[in-house]
Amino acid sequence: MMNEHLHPHKRSSDDKPPVSAVYVPPRPQENKIKVLVLCATGKVGLNVSYALQRAGYEVYGTTRSDKGGELLSARGVIPVIADYTKRRDLDRALATTGAKHVFMITDFFGAARSSPLKEEIQGVDMVNACVAADCVSVVYSSAADADKFDGRKVRHMAAKPHVEDYLLRSGLHATVIRPAAFFENFDDAANWNPLKKGRLSFLTDCPVKFVSTYDVGKLAAKIFADPAAFSGRVLEAASWTGSVHDAAKALETVSKVPTGGCMAMPRWARWLFLNDLHHMCLYFEKGYPGSGVRVDAFLDLVPDALDAEGWFRFHGRYADGSPIGVSEPCRFR
């Protein structure tokens, strides 16, 4: 349940050449806890930043482009032009913002360019930067059941348990969130799976555990409010279980448009072209053997977490911009 999740990250608004200088617009907010979100314009970071901002935090988010900065500003997030994979930029971002709480993510398919070693090194650098800056707490977005996979076959999981362990031994108030498959993968045009009217596709048709990136942010908000209470914990995150067919029914309910669910490609093609993700899907198709992911446990932490219908309402748009039912108020595209 990768957090590039089910579709390898190929392109994002953060894929432009990095800017070496760290720039933060002067917009201080009194009496608010400062949180720095790394890779804030990525699939995970964008809605996490939004959720933290709505929870009342003063949120700073790293991005490598002015366009990404505009995207963050529209959500009330203060942009920090920095390359979150560079230790020098991390040090500057932490010093400039004064943030003592950090939300971090490592990106196997994108920033690490499909290298487990590079992903681990980047994760260790993030932790070391937080230690050097005397941060109070760090939340790491890993992946559900990250320690249950054979890293030789599911390579995008190989580094995550090592980064988790390094963080948890850092001496910081450290918490690991392990999100299941993201609802956001249902609308992932950058990876050839745009959400279209009347059709929903996914890499498997078996029941899968899902969570929204926004609800990951809501859990992070709860953790940052009381870091000591969550220190040292590894929290699996899933708010709904269902197949692509179940999700299609949910979309149909919200959109009032007849919608069918299907596999994005045959299993033989998945094995041939997406072998890493194929072996992860086999884990799903075997029923999550040995999994520690429980929807009820996550709902104890985030009681109003989105199910499939809720996520389609929250998301609010097809890939072409046309509306799906009624969007949540204050939702930004």
Protein backbone atom coordinates (compact mmCIF):
# COMPACT_ATOMS: atom_id res chain seq x y z
CA MET A 1 0.00 0.00 0.00
CA MET A 2 2.53 2.29 -1.14
CA ASN A 3 2.33 5.91 -0.74
CA GLU A 4 3.21 6.56 -4.12
CA HIS A 5 0.45 3.90 -3.83
CA LEU A 6 -0.55 1.54 -6.54
CA HIS A 7 0.66 3.84 -9.30
CA PRO A 8 4.36 4.73 -9.57
CA HIS A 9 4.91 8.45 -9.25
CA LYS A 10 6.11 9.72 -12.60
CA ARG A 11 5.31 13.41 -12.60
CA SER A 12 4.21 16.02 -10.10
CA SER A 13 4.32 19.75 -9.61
CA ASP A 14 7.54 19.19 -7.65
CA ASP A 15 9.41 17.60 -10.55
CA LYS A 16 10.99 20.83 -11.79
CA PRO A 17 14.69 21.49 -11.21
CA PRO A 18 15.31 22.32 -7.55
CA VAL A 19 15.93 25.86 -6.39
CA SER A 20 18.92 26.10 -4.08
CA ALA A 21 17.72 29.05 -2.01
CA VAL A 22 15.04 28.64 0.62
CA TYR A 23 12.45 31.40 0.49
CA VAL A 24 9.60 31.83 2.96
CA PRO A 25 7.17 34.73 2.52
CA PRO A 26 7.04 36.80 5.72
CA ARG A 27 3.63 35.87 7.09
CA PRO A 28 4.01 35.06 10.82
CA GLN A 29 0.95 34.00 12.77
CA GLU A 30 0.97 34.49 16.52
CA ASN A 31 0.22 31.73 19.02
CA LYS A 32 0.05 28.94 16.46
CA ILE A 33 2.13 25.77 16.43
CA LYS A 34 4.40 25.74 13.39
CA VAL A 35 4.52 22.58 11.27
CA LEU A 36 6.78 22.00 8.28
CA VAL A 37 5.40 19.58 5.68
CA LEU A 38 8.02 18.10 3.35
CA CYS A 39 7.07 17.54 -0.30
CA ALA A 40 3.93 19.56 0.36
CA THR A 41 2.75 19.64 -3.26
CA GLY A 42 3.00 15.88 -3.72
CA LYS A 43 0.12 13.42 -3.62
CA VAL A 44 0.33 13.04 0.15
CA GLY A 45 1.64 16.42 1.21
CA LEU A 46 -0.97 18.62 -0.46
CA ASN A 47 -4.01 17.38 1.45
CA VAL A 48 -1.97 16.80 4.61
CA SER A 49 -0.98 20.48 4.53
CA TYR A 50 -4.59 21.46 3.94
CA ALA A 51 -5.83 19.31 6.84
CA LEU A 52 -3.21 20.74 9.21
CA GLN A 53 -4.04 24.29 8.17
CA ARG A 54 -7.74 23.68 8.79
CA ALA A 55 -6.88 22.20 12.19
CA GLY A 56 -5.39 25.55 13.20
CA TYR A 57 -1.66 25.03 12.68
CA GLU A 58 0.70 27.50 11.05
CA VAL A 59 1.72 25.29 8.16
CA TYR A 60 4.81 25.65 6.01
CA GLY A 61 5.24 23.42 2.99
CA THR A 62 8.27 22.72 0.83
CA THR A 63 8.02 22.95 -2.93
CA ARG A 64 10.62 23.30 -5.65
CA SER A 65 8.67 25.66 -7.90
CA ASP A 66 6.86 28.99 -7.83
CA LYS A 67 3.81 27.24 -9.28
CA GLY A 68 3.83 24.86 -6.31
CA GLY A 69 4.07 27.86 -4.01
CA GLU A 70 0.93 29.34 -5.55
CA LEU A 71 -0.86 26.04 -5.04
CA LEU A 72 0.06 26.01 -1.36
CA SER A 73 -0.78 29.67 -0.81
CA ALA A 74 -4.29 29.04 -2.15
CA ARG A 75 -4.76 26.59 0.74
CA GLY A 76 -3.45 28.92 3.40
CA VAL A 77 -0.09 27.12 3.55
CA ILE A 78 3.12 29.18 3.60
CA PRO A 79 5.38 27.97 0.77
CA VAL A 80 9.04 27.24 1.32
CA ILE A 81 11.03 27.00 -1.91
CA ALA A 82 13.37 24.13 -1.12
CA ASP A 83 14.40 20.67 -2.26
CA TYR A 84 13.35 18.41 0.60
CA THR A 85 15.81 15.70 -0.47
CA LYS A 86 18.82 17.99 0.06
CA ARG A 87 20.20 18.23 3.59
CA ARG A 88 21.36 21.82 3.08
CA ASP A 89 17.87 22.89 2.01
CA LEU A 90 16.29 21.01 4.93
CA ASP A 91 18.56 22.79 7.40
CA ARG A 92 17.72 26.17 5.89
CA ALA A 93 13.98 25.46 5.78
CA LEU A 94 13.91 24.46 9.44
CA ALA A 95 16.00 27.45 10.50
CA THR A 96 14.03 29.95 8.42
CA THR A 97 10.56 28.77 9.42
CA GLY A 98 11.35 28.03 13.05
CA ALA A 99 9.09 24.97 12.80
CA LYS A 100 9.69 22.34 15.48
CA HIS A 101 7.15 19.83 14.20
CA VAL A 102 7.75 18.08 10.88
CA PHE A 103 5.69 15.85 8.61
CA MET A 104 8.02 13.82 6.41
CA ILE A 105 7.62 11.39 3.55
CA THR A 106 10.05 9.45 1.39
CA ASP A 107 9.22 8.94 -2.28
CA PHE A 108 10.62 5.78 -3.87
CA PHE A 109 9.30 6.26 -7.39
CA GLY A 110 9.88 10.00 -7.62
CA ALA A 111 12.61 11.62 -5.51
CA ALA A 112 14.54 8.38 -4.96
CA ARG A 113 14.18 7.36 -8.62
CA SER A 114 13.25 3.76 -7.77
CA SER A 115 16.31 3.21 -5.58
CA PRO A 116 15.69 1.74 -2.09
CA LEU A 117 19.16 2.86 -1.01
CA LYS A 118 18.57 6.43 -2.15
CA GLU A 119 15.17 6.48 -0.42
CA GLU A 120 16.73 5.30 2.84
CA ILE A 121 19.52 7.88 2.62
CA GLN A 122 17.01 10.66 1.98
CA GLY A 123 14.91 9.52 4.95
CA VAL A 124 17.94 9.41 7.25
CA ASP A 125 18.94 12.90 6.13
CA MET A 126 15.48 14.20 7.01
CA VAL A 127 15.67 12.69 10.49
CA ASN A 128 19.20 14.02 11.06
CA ALA A 129 18.12 17.50 9.99
CA CYS A 130 15.25 17.39 12.50
CA VAL A 131 17.57 16.26 15.28
CA ALA A 132 20.08 19.01 14.45
CA ALA A 133 17.29 21.61 14.51
CA ASP A 134 16.09 20.44 17.96
CA CYS A 135 12.66 19.58 16.62
CA VAL A 136 10.01 18.50 19.10
CA SER A 137 8.19 15.93 17.00
CA VAL A 138 8.28 14.22 13.62
CA VAL A 139 5.54 12.26 11.87
CA TYR A 140 6.66 9.94 9.07
CA SER A 141 4.21 8.81 6.41
CA SER A 142 5.38 5.31 5.55
CA ALA A 143 3.16 2.56 4.08
CA ALA A 144 0.73 0.07 5.60
CA ASP A 145 2.23 -3.34 6.38
CA ALA A 146 5.58 -2.04 5.14
CA ASP A 147 7.39 -4.78 7.06
CA LYS A 148 5.30 -7.60 5.57
CA PHE A 149 6.71 -7.42 2.04
CA ASP A 150 9.73 -9.03 0.42
CA GLY A 151 11.80 -5.98 -0.49
CA ARG A 152 13.42 -7.86 -3.37
CA LYS A 153 10.03 -8.13 -5.10
CA VAL A 154 8.19 -5.09 -3.72
CA ARG A 155 11.13 -2.72 -3.89
CA HIS A 156 9.20 0.41 -3.05
CA MET A 157 8.66 -1.03 0.45
CA ALA A 158 12.27 -2.05 1.07
CA ALA A 159 13.58 1.18 2.61
CA LYS A 160 10.55 2.26 4.61
CA PRO A 161 11.00 -0.07 7.64
CA HIS A 162 14.63 1.09 7.92
CA VAL A 163 13.61 4.76 7.87
CA GLU A 164 10.91 4.03 10.45
CA ASP A 165 13.43 2.34 12.75
CA TYR A 166 15.98 5.15 12.39
CA LEU A 167 13.36 7.76 13.22
CA LEU A 168 11.98 5.86 16.21
CA ARG A 169 15.52 5.59 17.63
CA SER A 170 16.33 9.27 17.04
CA GLY A 171 15.35 10.53 20.49
CA LEU A 172 12.63 12.76 19.04
CA HIS A 173 8.94 12.42 19.72
CA ALA A 174 8.51 10.26 16.64
CA THR A 175 5.36 8.69 15.21
CA VAL A 176 4.94 6.57 12.10
CA ILE A 177 1.70 6.65 10.14
CA ARG A 178 1.33 3.73 7.75
CA PRO A 179 -1.38 4.64 5.23
CA ALA A 180 -3.14 1.96 3.21
CA ALA A 181 -3.83 2.47 -0.50
CA PHE A 182 -4.88 6.03 -1.21
CA PHE A 183 -8.31 6.90 -2.56
CA GLU A 184 -6.42 9.49 -4.60
CA ASN A 185 -5.17 6.69 -6.88
CA PHE A 186 -8.65 6.60 -8.38
CA ASP A 187 -7.83 9.96 -9.99
CA ASP A 188 -4.17 9.87 -10.95
CA ALA A 189 -3.77 11.32 -14.42
CA ALA A 190 -0.01 11.66 -13.95
CA ASN A 191 0.14 7.87 -13.84
CA TRP A 192 -2.36 7.17 -16.60
CA ASN A 193 -5.42 6.66 -14.42
CA PRO A 194 -7.59 9.80 -14.67
CA LEU A 195 -11.01 9.67 -13.06
CA LYS A 196 -13.58 9.53 -15.86
CA LYS A 197 -17.34 9.73 -15.81
CA GLY A 198 -18.93 6.27 -15.84
CA ARG A 199 -15.74 4.27 -15.29
CA LEU A 200 -13.40 3.48 -12.39
CA SER A 201 -10.21 1.42 -12.69
CA PHE A 202 -7.62 -0.03 -10.34
CA LEU A 203 -4.74 -2.51 -10.48
CA THR A 204 -6.70 -5.25 -8.72
CA ASP A 205 -10.36 -6.15 -8.34
CA CYS A 206 -10.05 -7.77 -4.90
CA PRO A 207 -11.04 -5.98 -1.67
CA VAL A 208 -8.40 -3.39 -0.74
CA LYS A 209 -8.00 -1.19 2.33
CA PHE A 210 -8.10 2.54 1.55
CA VAL A 211 -7.53 5.88 3.25
CA SER A 212 -7.54 9.48 2.06
CA THR A 213 -4.48 11.69 2.25
CA TYR A 214 -6.69 14.30 3.95
CA ASP A 215 -7.41 11.88 6.81
CA VAL A 216 -3.69 11.17 7.15
CA GLY A 217 -3.37 14.90 7.71
CA LYS A 218 -6.15 14.86 10.30
CA LEU A 219 -4.34 12.12 12.21
CA ALA A 220 -1.09 14.10 11.98
CA ALA A 221 -2.92 17.12 13.43
CA LYS A 222 -3.98 15.03 16.40
CA ILE A 223 -0.42 13.76 16.90
CA PHE A 224 1.15 17.24 16.76
CA ALA A 225 -1.32 18.41 19.42
CA ASP A 226 0.10 15.86 21.90
CA PRO A 227 3.42 14.46 20.59
CA ALA A 228 4.35 12.73 23.83
CA ALA A 229 1.14 10.67 23.82
CA PHE A 230 1.93 9.29 20.36
CA SER A 231 5.71 9.08 20.67
CA GLY A 232 7.14 5.75 19.55
CA ARG A 233 3.88 4.52 18.02
CA VAL A 234 3.35 2.98 14.59
CA LEU A 235 -0.21 3.66 13.43
CA GLU A 236 -1.74 1.77 10.52
CA ALA A 237 -4.24 3.92 8.63
CA ALA A 238 -7.26 2.65 6.69
CA SER A 239 -10.81 3.99 6.75
CA TRP A 240 -12.63 1.75 4.26
CA THR A 241 -12.35 -1.68 2.65
CA GLY A 242 -13.77 -2.55 -0.74
CA SER A 243 -13.05 -3.59 -4.31
CA VAL A 244 -12.95 -1.36 -7.36
CA HIS A 245 -16.52 -2.56 -8.04
CA ASP A 246 -17.61 -1.42 -4.57
CA ALA A 247 -15.89 1.93 -5.13
CA ALA A 248 -17.64 2.28 -8.50
CA LYS A 249 -20.99 1.81 -6.77
CA ALA A 250 -20.01 4.52 -4.28
CA LEU A 251 -19.10 6.87 -7.12
CA GLU A 252 -22.38 6.08 -8.84
CA THR A 253 -24.29 6.93 -5.66
CA VAL A 254 -22.54 10.28 -5.38
CA SER A 255 -22.52 11.21 -9.06
CA LYS A 256 -25.91 9.74 -10.07
CA VAL A 257 -24.11 8.51 -13.20
CA PRO A 258 -24.03 4.75 -13.96
CA THR A 259 -20.44 3.71 -13.20
CA GLY A 260 -18.60 0.45 -13.75
CA GLY A 261 -15.43 -0.77 -12.06
CA CYS A 262 -12.66 -2.70 -13.79
CA MET A 263 -9.02 -3.67 -13.56
CA ALA A 264 -6.70 -1.15 -15.16
CA MET A 265 -4.95 -3.97 -17.02
CA PRO A 266 -4.92 -7.79 -17.11
CA ARG A 267 -2.82 -9.51 -14.45
CA TRP A 268 -0.32 -10.74 -17.03
CA ALA A 269 0.26 -7.14 -18.15
CA ARG A 270 0.54 -5.99 -14.54
CA TRP A 271 3.21 -8.66 -13.98
CA LEU A 272 5.05 -7.69 -17.15
CA PHE A 273 4.98 -3.89 -16.94
CA LEU A 274 4.49 -3.15 -13.21
CA ASN A 275 6.19 -6.09 -11.55
CA ASP A 276 6.84 -4.31 -8.26
CA LEU A 277 3.19 -3.32 -7.91
CA HIS A 278 2.07 -6.72 -9.18
CA HIS A 279 3.67 -8.42 -6.18
CA MET A 280 2.09 -5.90 -3.84
CA CYS A 281 -1.30 -6.62 -5.40
CA LEU A 282 -0.72 -10.35 -4.87
CA TYR A 283 -0.49 -9.56 -1.15
CA PHE A 284 -3.91 -7.91 -1.36
CA GLU A 285 -5.31 -10.78 -3.37
CA LYS A 286 -4.12 -13.28 -0.75
CA GLY A 287 -6.17 -11.40 1.85
CA TYR A 288 -3.43 -9.35 3.57
CA PRO A 289 -1.72 -12.27 5.39
CA GLY A 290 -0.45 -11.20 8.81
CA SER A 291 -1.70 -7.64 8.34
CA GLY A 292 -2.05 -5.29 11.27
CA VAL A 293 -4.31 -2.88 9.39
CA ARG A 294 -7.72 -2.46 11.03
CA VAL A 295 -10.30 0.05 9.89
CA ASP A 296 -11.96 0.17 13.33
CA ALA A 297 -8.65 1.08 15.01
CA PHE A 298 -8.12 4.00 12.64
CA LEU A 299 -11.69 5.19 13.11
CA ASP A 300 -11.06 5.29 16.86
CA LEU A 301 -8.39 7.92 16.09
CA VAL A 302 -10.19 9.74 13.25
CA PRO A 303 -13.91 9.02 13.80
CA ASP A 304 -15.09 11.08 10.82
CA ALA A 305 -12.59 9.61 8.34
CA LEU A 306 -13.88 9.33 4.79
CA ASP A 307 -15.32 6.18 3.30
CA ALA A 308 -15.53 5.77 -0.50
CA GLU A 309 -18.67 7.86 -0.90
CA GLY A 310 -17.26 10.51 1.40
CA TRP A 311 -14.03 10.68 -0.56
CA PHE A 312 -15.74 11.13 -3.92
CA ARG A 313 -17.80 13.95 -2.41
CA PHE A 314 -14.66 15.50 -0.93
CA HIS A 315 -12.68 15.13 -4.16
CA GLY A 316 -15.54 16.72 -6.02
CA ARG A 317 -14.28 16.61 -9.62
CA TYR A 318 -13.50 14.25 -12.46
CA ALA A 319 -10.08 14.60 -14.09
CA ASP A 320 -11.55 16.89 -16.76
CA GLY A 321 -12.80 19.31 -14.10
CA SER A 322 -16.49 18.46 -14.32
CA PRO A 323 -18.19 18.10 -10.91
CA ILE A 324 -19.04 14.90 -9.06
CA GLY A 325 -22.17 15.43 -7.01
CA VAL A 326 -21.67 18.01 -4.27
CA SER A 327 -18.14 18.92 -3.16
CA GLU A 328 -17.14 19.57 0.41
CA PRO A 329 -17.17 23.29 1.31
CA CYS A 330 -13.79 25.04 1.10
CA ARG A 331 -12.24 22.24 -0.92
CA PHE A 332 -9.48 23.44 -3.24
CA ARG A 333 -8.42 21.75 -6.46
